[in-house]
Protein backbone atom coordinates (compact mmCIF):
# COMPACT_ATOMS: atom_id res chain seq x y z
CA MET A 1 -31.83 41.38 25.08
CA VAL A 2 -34.96 39.92 26.66
CA PRO A 3 -35.03 37.57 29.70
CA ASP A 4 -38.24 35.77 30.66
CA VAL A 5 -38.25 34.06 34.07
CA SER A 6 -40.72 31.29 34.93
CA THR A 7 -40.87 28.34 37.31
CA GLY A 8 -42.06 24.74 37.10
CA SER A 9 -41.66 21.27 38.57
CA ASP A 10 -40.40 18.98 35.78
CA THR A 11 -36.63 18.99 35.27
CA GLN A 12 -36.62 16.01 32.91
CA GLY A 13 -39.42 17.42 30.75
CA LEU A 14 -37.65 20.75 30.26
CA ILE A 15 -34.38 18.98 29.38
CA ASN A 16 -36.22 16.89 26.79
CA TYR A 17 -37.52 20.09 25.19
CA LEU A 18 -34.18 21.95 25.25
CA PHE A 19 -32.23 19.12 23.60
CA GLY A 20 -35.06 17.94 21.37
CA LYS A 21 -35.99 19.05 17.86
CA GLY A 22 -38.48 21.67 19.02
CA ARG A 23 -42.19 21.94 18.31
CA ARG A 24 -41.54 22.77 14.65
CA ASP A 25 -38.04 21.27 14.21
CA GLU A 26 -36.55 24.70 14.87
CA HIS A 27 -33.81 23.58 17.31
CA THR A 28 -30.35 23.25 15.77
CA ASP A 29 -27.21 21.90 17.45
CA PRO A 30 -28.45 21.98 21.07
CA HIS A 31 -25.55 22.02 23.53
CA ILE A 32 -24.51 23.41 26.92
CA VAL A 33 -22.54 26.68 26.81
CA ALA A 34 -22.25 27.20 30.58
CA ALA A 35 -23.05 25.34 33.80
CA TRP A 36 -22.37 25.22 37.52
CA ASP A 37 -19.67 22.61 36.73
CA MET A 38 -18.61 22.54 33.10
CA ALA A 39 -16.02 19.84 33.76
CA GLY A 40 -18.41 17.34 35.29
CA VAL A 41 -21.82 18.04 33.74
CA PRO A 42 -22.99 15.55 31.09
CA ASP A 43 -23.84 17.29 27.80
CA PRO A 44 -26.18 15.23 25.58
CA GLY A 45 -25.52 17.67 22.75
CA ARG A 46 -21.79 16.95 22.63
CA ASP A 47 -21.35 13.55 24.31
CA PRO A 48 -23.22 10.70 22.59
CA THR A 49 -23.00 8.61 25.79
CA ALA A 50 -24.66 11.28 27.92
CA THR A 51 -28.41 10.90 28.42
CA TYR A 52 -31.16 13.31 29.36
CA SER A 53 -31.88 11.35 32.52
CA GLN A 54 -28.23 11.53 33.61
CA LEU A 55 -28.28 15.30 33.23
CA ALA A 56 -31.59 15.60 35.07
CA LYS A 57 -30.28 13.45 37.91
CA ARG A 58 -27.20 15.67 38.32
CA LEU A 59 -29.29 18.82 38.29
CA ASP A 60 -31.82 17.37 40.74
CA HIS A 61 -29.18 16.12 43.20
CA HIS A 62 -29.90 18.74 45.90
CA VAL A 63 -33.62 18.56 45.17
CA ASP A 64 -33.60 14.79 45.79
CA LEU A 65 -31.73 15.23 49.06
CA ARG A 66 -34.24 17.80 50.21
CA THR A 67 -37.11 15.58 49.08
CA ARG A 68 -35.86 12.77 51.32
CA GLU A 69 -35.64 15.23 54.21
CA LEU A 70 -39.25 16.23 53.58
CA GLY A 71 -40.43 12.63 53.68
CA GLY A 72 -40.80 12.14 49.94
CA LYS A 73 -42.47 15.46 49.12
CA LYS A 74 -40.64 17.54 46.52
CA PRO A 75 -40.19 21.27 47.11
CA PRO A 76 -42.81 23.22 45.08
CA LYS A 77 -41.86 24.91 41.80
CA HIS A 78 -38.22 23.86 42.10
CA VAL A 79 -37.36 24.30 38.40
CA TRP A 80 -36.25 27.83 37.43
CA HIS A 81 -36.28 28.61 33.70
CA CYS A 82 -35.06 31.78 31.99
CA PRO A 83 -34.74 32.07 28.21
CA VAL A 84 -32.57 35.04 27.19
CA ARG A 85 -33.01 36.30 23.64
CA THR A 86 -31.26 38.99 21.61
CA ALA A 87 -33.32 41.59 19.75
CA PRO A 88 -33.98 41.29 16.00
CA GLY A 89 -31.05 42.76 14.09
CA ASP A 90 -28.49 42.17 16.86
CA ARG A 91 -25.14 40.67 15.93
CA TYR A 92 -24.30 36.98 16.37
CA LEU A 93 -23.02 36.07 19.84
CA THR A 94 -20.43 33.35 20.32
CA ASP A 95 -20.80 30.50 22.80
CA ALA A 96 -18.28 32.23 25.07
CA GLU A 97 -20.35 35.43 25.03
CA TRP A 98 -23.56 33.54 25.79
CA ALA A 99 -21.74 31.77 28.64
CA GLU A 100 -20.88 35.14 30.16
CA VAL A 101 -24.50 36.26 29.78
CA ALA A 102 -25.71 33.12 31.58
CA ARG A 103 -23.23 33.48 34.45
CA ARG A 104 -24.20 37.10 34.99
CA VAL A 105 -27.93 36.37 34.92
CA VAL A 106 -27.76 33.51 37.46
CA ALA A 107 -25.53 35.64 39.69
CA VAL A 108 -27.75 38.73 39.72
CA THR A 109 -31.01 36.78 40.18
CA GLY A 110 -29.75 34.90 43.26
CA ILE A 111 -29.58 31.47 41.60
CA ALA A 112 -25.79 31.29 41.78
CA PRO A 113 -24.21 34.41 43.31
CA GLU A 114 -20.57 34.84 42.36
CA GLY A 115 -18.26 33.00 44.79
CA ASP A 116 -21.10 31.08 46.47
CA GLU A 117 -19.96 27.43 46.65
CA LYS A 118 -23.33 26.23 47.93
CA ALA A 119 -25.33 27.84 45.12
CA CYS A 120 -27.99 26.10 43.02
CA ARG A 121 -27.07 23.84 40.13
CA TRP A 122 -27.77 25.25 36.69
CA ILE A 123 -27.04 24.89 32.97
CA ALA A 124 -27.38 27.19 29.94
CA VAL A 125 -28.41 25.47 26.70
CA ARG A 126 -28.08 26.96 23.24
CA HIS A 127 -30.14 25.52 20.40
CA ALA A 128 -30.48 28.60 18.14
CA ASP A 129 -28.40 31.60 17.05
CA ASP A 130 -30.40 34.24 18.92
CA HIS A 131 -31.09 32.80 22.39
CA ILE A 132 -30.17 30.48 25.24
CA HIS A 133 -32.21 28.77 27.95
CA ILE A 134 -31.01 28.83 31.55
CA LEU A 135 -32.33 25.95 33.65
CA ALA A 136 -31.72 25.73 37.39
CA THR A 137 -33.01 23.64 40.27
CA THR A 138 -33.76 25.93 43.19
CA VAL A 139 -32.42 23.99 46.14
CA ARG A 140 -28.96 24.95 47.36
CA ALA A 141 -26.26 22.57 48.63
CA ASP A 142 -27.12 23.59 52.19
CA GLY A 143 -30.78 22.64 51.63
CA ARG A 144 -32.10 26.20 51.58
CA ARG A 145 -34.03 27.85 48.75
CA PRO A 146 -32.28 30.74 46.96
CA ARG A 147 -33.39 34.33 47.40
CA THR A 148 -34.91 35.07 44.01
CA ASN A 149 -37.33 37.86 44.85
CA ARG A 150 -37.76 40.27 41.90
CA ASP A 151 -35.58 37.95 39.81
CA GLY A 152 -37.30 38.97 36.57
CA TRP A 153 -36.67 42.66 37.19
CA ARG A 154 -33.05 42.04 38.20
CA ALA A 155 -32.48 39.93 35.08
CA GLN A 156 -33.85 42.80 32.98
CA GLN A 157 -31.52 45.32 34.60
CA GLU A 158 -28.50 43.07 34.03
CA CYS A 159 -29.48 42.60 30.38
CA ARG A 160 -29.58 46.39 29.95
CA ARG A 161 -25.97 46.51 31.19
CA ILE A 162 -24.95 43.62 28.94
CA GLU A 163 -26.48 45.35 25.91
CA ALA A 164 -24.33 48.42 26.56
CA GLU A 165 -21.15 46.39 27.04
CA PHE A 166 -21.73 44.05 24.07
CA GLY A 167 -22.83 46.81 21.69
CA LEU A 168 -26.34 45.36 21.25
CA ARG A 169 -29.61 47.13 20.63
CA ARG A 170 -30.66 48.99 23.78
CA LEU A 171 -34.14 47.88 24.75
CA LYS A 172 -36.45 49.73 27.12
CA SER A 173 -36.49 48.73 30.77
CA GLY A 174 -39.77 47.51 32.21
CA ASP A 175 -41.35 48.17 35.60
CA LEU A 176 -43.15 44.83 36.09
CA THR A 177 -46.47 46.30 34.90
CA ALA A 178 -46.36 44.86 31.37
CA PRO A 179 -48.86 42.12 30.50
CA LYS A 180 -47.56 38.59 30.15
CA THR A 181 -46.33 37.86 26.64
CA PRO A 182 -47.75 34.88 24.71
CA THR A 183 -45.83 31.65 25.06
CA GLY A 184 -44.26 29.87 22.11
CA ALA A 185 -47.05 27.31 22.22
CA GLU A 186 -49.69 30.06 22.06
CA ARG A 187 -48.00 31.66 19.06
CA ALA A 188 -47.68 28.31 17.31
CA LYS A 189 -51.38 27.63 17.88
CA ALA A 190 -52.35 31.01 16.41
CA GLU A 191 -50.14 30.37 13.39
CA ARG A 192 -51.63 26.92 12.93
CA LEU A 193 -55.16 28.38 13.01
CA GLY A 194 -54.27 31.16 10.59
CA GLN A 195 -54.79 33.91 13.15
CA ASP A 196 -52.74 37.12 13.30
CA VAL A 197 -52.77 37.30 17.11
CA THR A 198 -52.82 34.76 19.91
CA ALA A 199 -55.91 34.04 22.00
CA ARG A 200 -54.31 35.79 24.97
CA GLU A 201 -53.71 39.00 22.96
CA TRP A 202 -57.16 38.97 21.37
CA LEU A 203 -58.88 38.45 24.72
CA ARG A 204 -56.83 41.24 26.31
CA GLU A 205 -57.74 43.78 23.63
CA SER A 206 -61.38 42.67 23.68
CA ALA A 207 -61.55 42.98 27.48
CA TYR A 208 -60.04 46.48 27.39
CA ALA A 209 -62.49 47.61 24.70
CA VAL A 210 -65.49 46.23 26.59
CA ALA A 211 -64.37 47.65 29.95
CA ALA A 212 -64.09 51.08 28.32
CA SER A 213 -67.64 50.94 26.99
CA VAL A 214 -69.72 49.56 29.85
CA ARG A 215 -71.05 51.13 33.05
CA SER A 216 -70.87 48.24 35.49
CA VAL A 217 -69.07 44.98 36.19
CA ASP A 218 -72.26 43.06 35.39
CA ASP A 219 -72.46 44.77 32.00
CA TYR A 220 -68.79 43.88 31.41
CA PHE A 221 -69.48 40.15 31.69
CA THR A 222 -72.75 40.42 29.76
CA VAL A 223 -71.14 42.14 26.76
CA LEU A 224 -68.19 39.74 26.75
CA SER A 225 -70.62 36.81 26.64
CA SER A 226 -72.61 38.44 23.83
CA LEU A 227 -69.43 38.49 21.76
CA GLY A 228 -69.08 34.73 22.09
CA ILE A 229 -66.29 34.97 24.65
CA GLN A 230 -66.53 32.30 27.32
CA VAL A 231 -66.71 33.76 30.84
CA LYS A 232 -66.00 31.67 33.91
CA SER A 233 -66.56 33.32 37.31
CA ARG A 234 -64.72 32.29 40.47
CA VAL A 235 -66.84 32.32 43.62
CA SER A 236 -65.30 32.69 47.06
CA THR A 237 -65.99 29.74 49.37
CA LYS A 238 -66.00 32.13 52.34
CA THR A 239 -68.32 34.88 51.13
CA GLY A 240 -70.19 33.18 48.31
CA GLU A 241 -69.47 36.21 46.10
CA VAL A 242 -67.55 36.46 42.85
CA ASP A 243 -63.89 37.29 43.52
CA GLY A 244 -62.31 36.47 40.16
CA TYR A 245 -62.93 35.46 36.56
CA SER A 246 -61.30 33.94 33.51
CA LEU A 247 -61.97 34.20 29.77
CA ALA A 248 -61.57 31.92 26.77
CA ALA A 249 -61.91 32.66 23.07
CA PRO A 250 -64.99 31.26 21.30
CA GLY A 251 -64.65 27.52 20.84
CA ASP A 252 -61.37 27.37 22.79
CA THR A 253 -60.68 25.32 25.91
CA VAL A 254 -57.87 27.43 27.36
CA PHE A 255 -59.00 30.04 29.91
CA PHE A 256 -56.95 33.05 31.01
CA GLY A 257 -57.55 34.80 34.32
CA GLY A 258 -58.14 38.54 34.10
CA SER A 259 -54.85 39.35 35.83
CA LYS A 260 -53.05 37.00 33.42
CA LEU A 261 -54.31 39.10 30.51
CA ALA A 262 -53.13 42.37 32.10
CA PRO A 263 -52.61 43.58 35.68
CA ASP A 264 -55.41 46.14 35.44
CA LEU A 265 -57.92 43.58 34.13
CA SER A 266 -57.99 41.66 37.41
CA PHE A 267 -61.38 41.47 39.12
CA ASN A 268 -60.32 43.75 41.97
CA ARG A 269 -58.99 46.39 39.59
CA LEU A 270 -62.20 46.21 37.56
CA LEU A 271 -64.21 46.89 40.73
CA GLU A 272 -62.13 50.05 41.24
CA ARG A 273 -63.09 51.45 37.83
CA LEU A 274 -66.59 49.98 37.37
CA PRO A 275 -69.44 50.03 39.91
CA THR A 276 -71.82 47.15 40.51
CA GLN A 277 -75.09 47.04 38.57
CA GLU A 278 -77.04 48.51 41.50
CA VAL A 279 -75.06 51.76 41.62
CA ALA A 280 -74.08 52.10 37.96
CA ASP A 281 -74.97 55.40 36.33
CA ARG A 282 -77.39 55.22 33.42
CA PRO A 283 -77.21 57.17 30.13
CA GLN A 284 -78.71 60.64 30.37
CA PRO A 285 -81.36 61.84 27.89
CA VAL A 286 -79.80 63.12 24.69
CA THR A 287 -80.91 66.65 23.77
CA ASP A 288 -78.14 67.35 21.28
CA PRO A 289 -76.44 64.52 19.33
CA ALA A 290 -73.23 66.56 19.23
CA GLU A 291 -73.09 67.16 22.99
CA PRO A 292 -71.25 63.91 23.95
CA TRP A 293 -68.56 64.77 21.39
CA ARG A 294 -68.18 68.30 22.76
CA ARG A 295 -68.07 67.08 26.36
CA THR A 296 -65.39 64.50 25.54
CA GLU A 297 -63.28 67.03 23.65
CA SER A 298 -63.61 69.54 26.48
CA ALA A 299 -62.73 66.95 29.14
CA ALA A 300 -59.74 65.73 27.12
CA ARG A 301 -58.56 69.33 26.77
CA THR A 302 -58.87 69.77 30.54
CA ALA A 303 -56.78 66.62 31.11
CA LEU A 304 -54.19 67.95 28.68
CA ALA A 305 -53.99 71.25 30.55
CA GLU A 306 -53.71 69.60 33.97
CA LEU A 307 -51.39 66.69 33.20
CA ASP A 308 -48.10 68.41 34.07
CA SER A 309 -49.41 70.25 37.12
CA VAL A 310 -51.14 67.53 39.15
CA ALA A 311 -49.80 64.83 41.46
CA ASP A 312 -48.33 61.76 39.79
CA ALA A 313 -51.20 59.50 40.85
CA THR A 314 -53.71 61.97 39.40
CA GLY A 315 -51.72 62.29 36.18
CA GLN A 316 -51.64 58.51 35.83
CA GLY A 317 -55.40 58.54 36.43
CA HIS A 318 -55.93 60.99 33.57
CA ILE A 319 -53.84 58.76 31.29
CA ASP A 320 -55.70 55.61 32.37
CA VAL A 321 -59.11 57.15 31.67
CA PHE A 322 -57.87 58.61 28.38
CA ALA A 323 -57.04 55.06 27.27
CA ASP A 324 -60.74 54.18 27.68
CA ALA A 325 -61.71 57.31 25.76
CA LEU A 326 -59.51 56.21 22.83
CA HIS A 327 -61.32 52.86 22.62
CA ASN A 328 -64.71 54.59 22.57
CA LEU A 329 -63.54 57.19 20.06
CA ALA A 330 -62.42 54.41 17.72
CA ARG A 331 -65.76 52.65 18.08
CA ALA A 332 -67.86 55.77 17.56
CA THR A 333 -66.16 56.98 14.35
CA PRO A 334 -66.65 54.54 11.47
CA GLY A 335 -64.72 55.28 8.31
CA PRO A 336 -61.31 54.71 6.73
CA HIS A 337 -59.54 56.37 9.68
CA GLN A 338 -61.08 53.93 12.18
CA VAL A 339 -58.27 51.42 11.58
CA GLU A 340 -55.69 53.93 12.79
CA LEU A 341 -57.83 54.91 15.78
CA ARG A 342 -58.16 51.28 16.84
CA ALA A 343 -54.42 50.78 16.46
CA ALA A 344 -53.83 53.89 18.60
CA ALA A 345 -56.13 52.57 21.34
CA GLN A 346 -54.40 49.19 21.35
CA ALA A 347 -50.92 50.74 21.47
CA PHE A 348 -51.90 53.12 24.27
CA ASN A 349 -53.02 50.24 26.51
CA ARG A 350 -49.38 49.78 27.55
CA ALA A 351 -49.14 53.48 28.47
CA ARG A 352 -52.20 53.41 30.72
CA ARG A 353 -50.44 51.79 33.68
CA SER A 354 -47.09 52.15 35.39
CA ALA A 355 -45.66 51.57 38.85
CA ILE A 356 -47.63 54.71 39.87
CA ARG A 357 -51.09 53.63 41.04
CA ALA A 358 -53.69 55.59 39.09
CA ASP A 359 -56.13 57.89 40.91
CA ARG A 360 -59.07 58.15 38.51
CA GLN A 361 -61.18 60.49 40.69
CA ALA A 362 -59.87 63.69 39.10
CA ALA A 363 -60.65 62.29 35.64
CA THR A 364 -64.33 61.64 36.37
CA GLU A 365 -65.45 64.23 33.81
CA LEU A 366 -63.49 62.57 31.00
CA GLN A 367 -64.62 59.11 32.12
CA GLN A 368 -68.30 60.05 32.08
CA ALA A 369 -68.03 61.92 28.79
CA ALA A 370 -66.22 59.04 27.11
CA ARG A 371 -68.93 56.62 28.20
CA GLU A 372 -71.60 58.96 26.79
CA LEU A 373 -69.58 59.01 23.57
CA ASN A 374 -69.96 55.25 23.40
CA HIS A 375 -73.76 55.74 23.13
CA ALA A 376 -73.63 58.80 20.86
CA ALA A 377 -74.73 58.99 17.27
CA ASN A 378 -71.99 59.32 14.65
CA ILE A 379 -71.46 63.00 13.91
CA PRO A 380 -69.39 63.37 10.75
CA GLY A 381 -67.37 66.51 10.19
CA GLY A 382 -65.34 69.01 12.16
CA LEU A 383 -66.36 68.02 15.68
CA VAL A 384 -64.96 64.51 15.26
CA ILE A 385 -61.74 65.93 13.81
CA ALA A 386 -61.50 68.37 16.73
CA LEU A 387 -61.68 65.45 19.16
CA ILE A 388 -59.04 63.45 17.25
CA PHE A 389 -56.85 66.57 17.22
CA THR A 390 -57.12 66.97 21.00
CA ALA A 391 -56.54 63.22 21.52
CA LEU A 392 -53.38 63.48 19.43
CA HIS A 393 -51.98 66.23 21.66
CA LEU A 394 -53.01 64.43 24.86
CA ALA A 395 -51.27 61.24 23.71
CA ARG A 396 -48.13 63.25 22.92
CA ALA A 397 -48.29 64.87 26.37
CA ALA A 398 -48.69 61.41 27.95
CA ALA A 399 -45.55 60.21 26.17
CA LYS A 400 -43.61 63.17 27.53
CA TRP A 401 -45.08 62.62 31.02
CA HIS A 402 -43.92 59.00 31.06
CA GLU A 403 -40.51 59.88 29.63
CA GLN A 404 -39.91 62.44 32.39
CA ARG A 405 -40.58 59.75 35.00
CA GLY A 406 -38.37 57.10 33.44
CA HIS A 407 -41.28 54.95 32.19
CA GLU A 408 -39.51 53.88 29.02
CA GLN A 409 -41.92 51.23 27.75
CA GLN A 410 -44.95 53.41 28.43
CA ALA A 411 -43.36 56.37 26.64
CA VAL A 412 -42.65 54.21 23.59
CA ALA A 413 -46.24 52.90 23.61
CA ALA A 414 -47.66 56.42 23.82
CA GLU A 415 -45.44 57.54 20.93
CA GLU A 416 -46.74 54.64 18.86
CA ALA A 417 -50.29 55.77 19.63
CA VAL A 418 -49.31 59.30 18.57
CA ARG A 419 -48.19 58.02 15.17
CA HIS A 420 -51.51 56.24 14.60
CA LEU A 421 -53.47 59.30 15.74
CA GLN A 422 -51.43 61.50 13.40
CA ALA A 423 -52.31 59.21 10.49
CA SER A 424 -56.00 59.27 11.45
CA TYR A 425 -55.92 63.05 11.82
CA ARG A 426 -54.33 63.54 8.41
CA GLN A 427 -56.91 61.29 6.77
CA THR A 428 -59.78 63.34 8.21
CA ALA A 429 -58.37 66.85 8.61
CA GLU A 430 -56.60 67.50 5.32
CA PRO A 431 -59.72 67.24 3.10
CA ALA A 432 -61.79 69.13 5.69
CA LEU A 433 -59.30 72.01 5.90
CA ALA A 434 -59.08 72.16 2.12
CA GLU A 435 -62.86 72.38 1.85
CA LEU A 436 -63.00 75.12 4.51
CA ALA A 437 -60.30 77.08 2.67
CA ARG A 438 -62.24 76.73 -0.59
CA ARG A 439 -65.27 78.31 1.11
CA ALA A 440 -63.32 81.25 2.57
CA PRO A 441 -65.45 84.41 2.99
CA ARG A 442 -65.01 87.48 0.80
CA PRO A 443 -61.82 89.56 1.24
CA GLN A 444 -63.52 92.35 3.23
CA THR A 445 -64.72 89.80 5.82
CA VAL A 446 -61.29 88.16 5.98
CA GLN A 447 -59.70 91.57 6.61
CA ARG A 448 -62.16 92.21 9.43
CA PHE A 449 -61.22 88.85 10.99
CA GLU A 450 -57.53 89.73 10.67
CA VAL A 451 -58.21 92.82 12.77
CA ALA A 452 -60.10 90.66 15.29
CA VAL A 453 -57.15 88.26 15.55
CA ARG A 454 -54.68 91.10 16.16
CA HIS A 455 -56.95 92.50 18.83
CA ALA A 456 -57.76 89.19 20.61
CA VAL A 457 -54.37 87.43 20.45
CA PRO A 458 -51.81 90.09 19.49
CA GLU A 459 -48.78 88.04 20.62
CA HIS A 460 -49.64 85.23 18.19
CA ALA A 461 -51.31 87.22 15.41
CA ASP A 462 -48.47 87.08 12.88
CA ARG A 463 -48.07 83.30 13.24
CA ILE A 464 -51.82 82.76 12.97
CA LEU A 465 -52.24 84.91 9.87
CA THR A 466 -49.31 83.25 8.07
CA ASP A 467 -50.37 79.73 9.00
CA PRO A 468 -51.50 77.70 5.92
CA ALA A 469 -54.68 76.91 7.86
CA TRP A 470 -55.66 80.60 8.16
CA PRO A 471 -58.15 80.52 5.20
CA ALA A 472 -59.88 77.55 6.86
CA LEU A 473 -59.96 79.40 10.19
CA ALA A 474 -61.50 82.42 8.47
CA THR A 475 -64.36 80.24 7.22
CA THR A 476 -64.85 78.77 10.69
CA LEU A 477 -64.92 82.28 12.20
CA ALA A 478 -67.57 83.32 9.68
CA ARG A 479 -69.74 80.34 10.64
CA ALA A 480 -69.26 81.03 14.35
CA GLU A 481 -70.24 84.65 13.84
CA SER A 482 -73.38 83.59 11.97
CA ALA A 483 -74.21 81.33 14.93
CA GLY A 484 -74.29 84.31 17.27
CA ASN A 485 -70.71 84.44 18.60
CA ASN A 486 -68.67 87.59 19.10
CA THR A 487 -65.54 86.93 17.05
CA ARG A 488 -63.04 88.76 19.26
CA ARG A 489 -64.40 87.30 22.46
CA LEU A 490 -64.49 83.80 20.98
CA LEU A 491 -60.89 84.04 19.77
CA ALA A 492 -59.72 85.25 23.17
CA GLU A 493 -61.58 82.44 24.97
CA VAL A 494 -60.32 79.58 22.82
CA ALA A 495 -56.78 80.98 22.78
CA ALA A 496 -56.81 81.05 26.59
CA SER A 497 -57.90 77.41 26.78
CA ARG A 498 -54.43 76.29 25.70
CA GLU A 499 -51.16 78.14 25.29
CA LEU A 500 -50.19 78.63 21.66
CA ASP A 501 -46.42 79.12 22.11
CA SER A 502 -45.70 75.45 21.43
CA ALA A 503 -48.25 75.09 18.63
CA GLU A 504 -46.61 74.61 15.24
CA ARG A 505 -49.79 75.68 13.43
CA PRO A 506 -51.76 77.99 15.75
CA ALA A 507 -54.50 78.73 13.20
CA GLU A 508 -55.18 75.00 12.94
CA VAL A 509 -55.37 74.73 16.74
CA LEU A 510 -57.84 77.62 16.93
CA ASN A 511 -59.89 76.23 14.07
CA TRP A 512 -60.63 72.96 15.85
CA ARG A 513 -61.10 74.63 19.22
CA ILE A 514 -63.76 76.92 17.75
CA THR A 515 -65.34 73.94 15.95
CA ALA A 516 -65.73 72.21 19.33
CA GLU A 517 -67.45 75.24 20.89
CA PRO A 518 -71.24 74.91 21.21
CA ASN A 519 -73.56 76.77 18.85
CA ARG A 520 -75.00 79.25 21.32
CA ARG A 521 -77.92 80.44 19.22
CA ALA A 522 -78.96 76.87 18.44
CA GLN A 523 -78.62 75.94 22.10
CA ALA A 524 -81.00 78.70 23.13
CA ALA A 525 -83.59 77.70 20.54
CA ARG A 526 -83.39 73.96 21.06
CA ARG A 527 -86.18 72.27 23.00
CA PRO A 528 -85.37 69.36 25.34
CA SER A 529 -85.85 65.85 24.06
CA THR A 530 -86.21 62.62 26.02
CA MET A 531 -84.96 60.43 23.19
CA HIS A 532 -82.09 58.07 24.02
CA VAL A 533 -79.57 56.71 21.60
CA ALA A 534 -79.65 52.92 21.64
CA SER A 535 -76.93 51.49 23.85
CA ALA A 536 -76.83 48.21 21.96
CA ALA A 537 -74.40 49.85 19.55
CA GLN A 538 -71.64 49.26 22.06
CA GLN A 539 -71.69 45.56 21.17
CA GLU A 540 -71.44 45.97 17.42
CA GLN A 541 -67.81 46.85 16.82
CA ILE A 542 -66.08 45.22 19.81
CA PRO A 543 -63.53 43.68 19.84
CA ALA A 544 -60.90 45.84 18.19
CA VAL A 545 -58.95 42.84 16.82
CA ARG A 546 -60.87 40.71 14.36
CA ARG A 547 -60.51 36.94 14.69
CA GLY A 548 -63.65 35.83 12.87
CA THR A 549 -67.07 34.86 14.21
CA ALA A 550 -67.58 32.48 17.10
CA ALA A 551 -68.82 29.84 14.71
CA GLU A 552 -65.78 30.26 12.45
CA GLN A 553 -63.40 29.93 15.36
CA GLY A 554 -65.22 26.89 16.68
CA ARG A 555 -64.76 25.19 13.28
CA ARG A 556 -61.04 26.12 13.22
CA ARG A 557 -60.40 24.51 16.59
């Protein structure tokens, strides 16, 4: 059961909508199921003599009195509106049940506390099977405004209790950090234009993807503009500096402020994660195309190891930065599995923030590595799979971290990201492991590696050697040995980088860990290079959600 509180200033206009046919003739049998005074309230849905204006006048009675006291000026935002909707698949609720829901919601939010004779006037209108609309005017009989602080959160908590009592689907409680959902009008517009997502959702995902890829606030606005997104800056009249911004889709006229897209896309929050152009770090010379991939995998593994042992703010910082890394990973790995990686990055956006304010300082290594990854050349093969493998485990750890702290929506979002990462991993890893197994070294070499495993990790040796991925690991060990690594020492080092007790397939874990290790002989022989990888690539595959070109969208609108 989902409540959605908002405020406005037009009682008559909202009544016209509630009792009208709807924007697409979807309203059926509109009528009042509950009110502050069921005996005396006019119901245009049941009484043919009752008019919308009569109902509005009754609801606005205290508002009009207060307006006269204020010399003709109406109190601001005096219309309180809260649709309450059941979840898909829930059973049908009767009018009497919806009436109880309405009374409980207005009581808990402070609109009409139980037993308060001077409470606000309100009605609950039903015009569909699955939801009602609660409308109230927020001036009490004594002329005061009601105490409605945190009304949205309190409505959510009451709906969780109602779900349990009514036997409805139990939804996840929020913590007021979720982005604003698209309105019915926004969804209708997207449907009319043949678009899968609304402008608000597309802009939010585009802004997240761009913010993950750039190195400064100035670059953020530049890349957004290059994608055809309209950027409007807000300049402070006091300082003359930019203190806010809003975005609109190509060809659209509706702008959304950064904070209206998501709390962590506000201008102030962007300044916390991105420096100004003057102090932004620049890409370092690339001496090894694989190095950004190794650095990102290593930093992600460090975050995975530290997540459960650091302070909550630091843990949230690791998760926040990891969300950026997922966007850059999706952009840097073209191929059939890219769809799943993009879906994982989009799903994880909800897990990146909670009521715990993120401290990103401890995650600087991952943040820098992920930005280098955005400029890196595509490196097909095991190193990419190793990074996806580590990202999968970090996303799973993030889901557990949120669950332990009661962050239900974030935990669900992280689990959704895990499912997409699992699909991407299977698409890339299964053929790679099969090919490694096909190239397994001769039996004498495999036996020598078995001895090395028993010597380096004796407590896990039996599980490693019976793992279906063991033949693939044997091939990887042979390659590492040819590259100048001591097999026993390498096994001991990579095994120590993460405990193997919880690993279902320890040989698979070791295989990708060894794959991510640098080639030491090649490193020693390699000469430095000053060549840079072109940074313009960051603009090619953003945004993650396709809505067509700017020209196409302009024609649609």
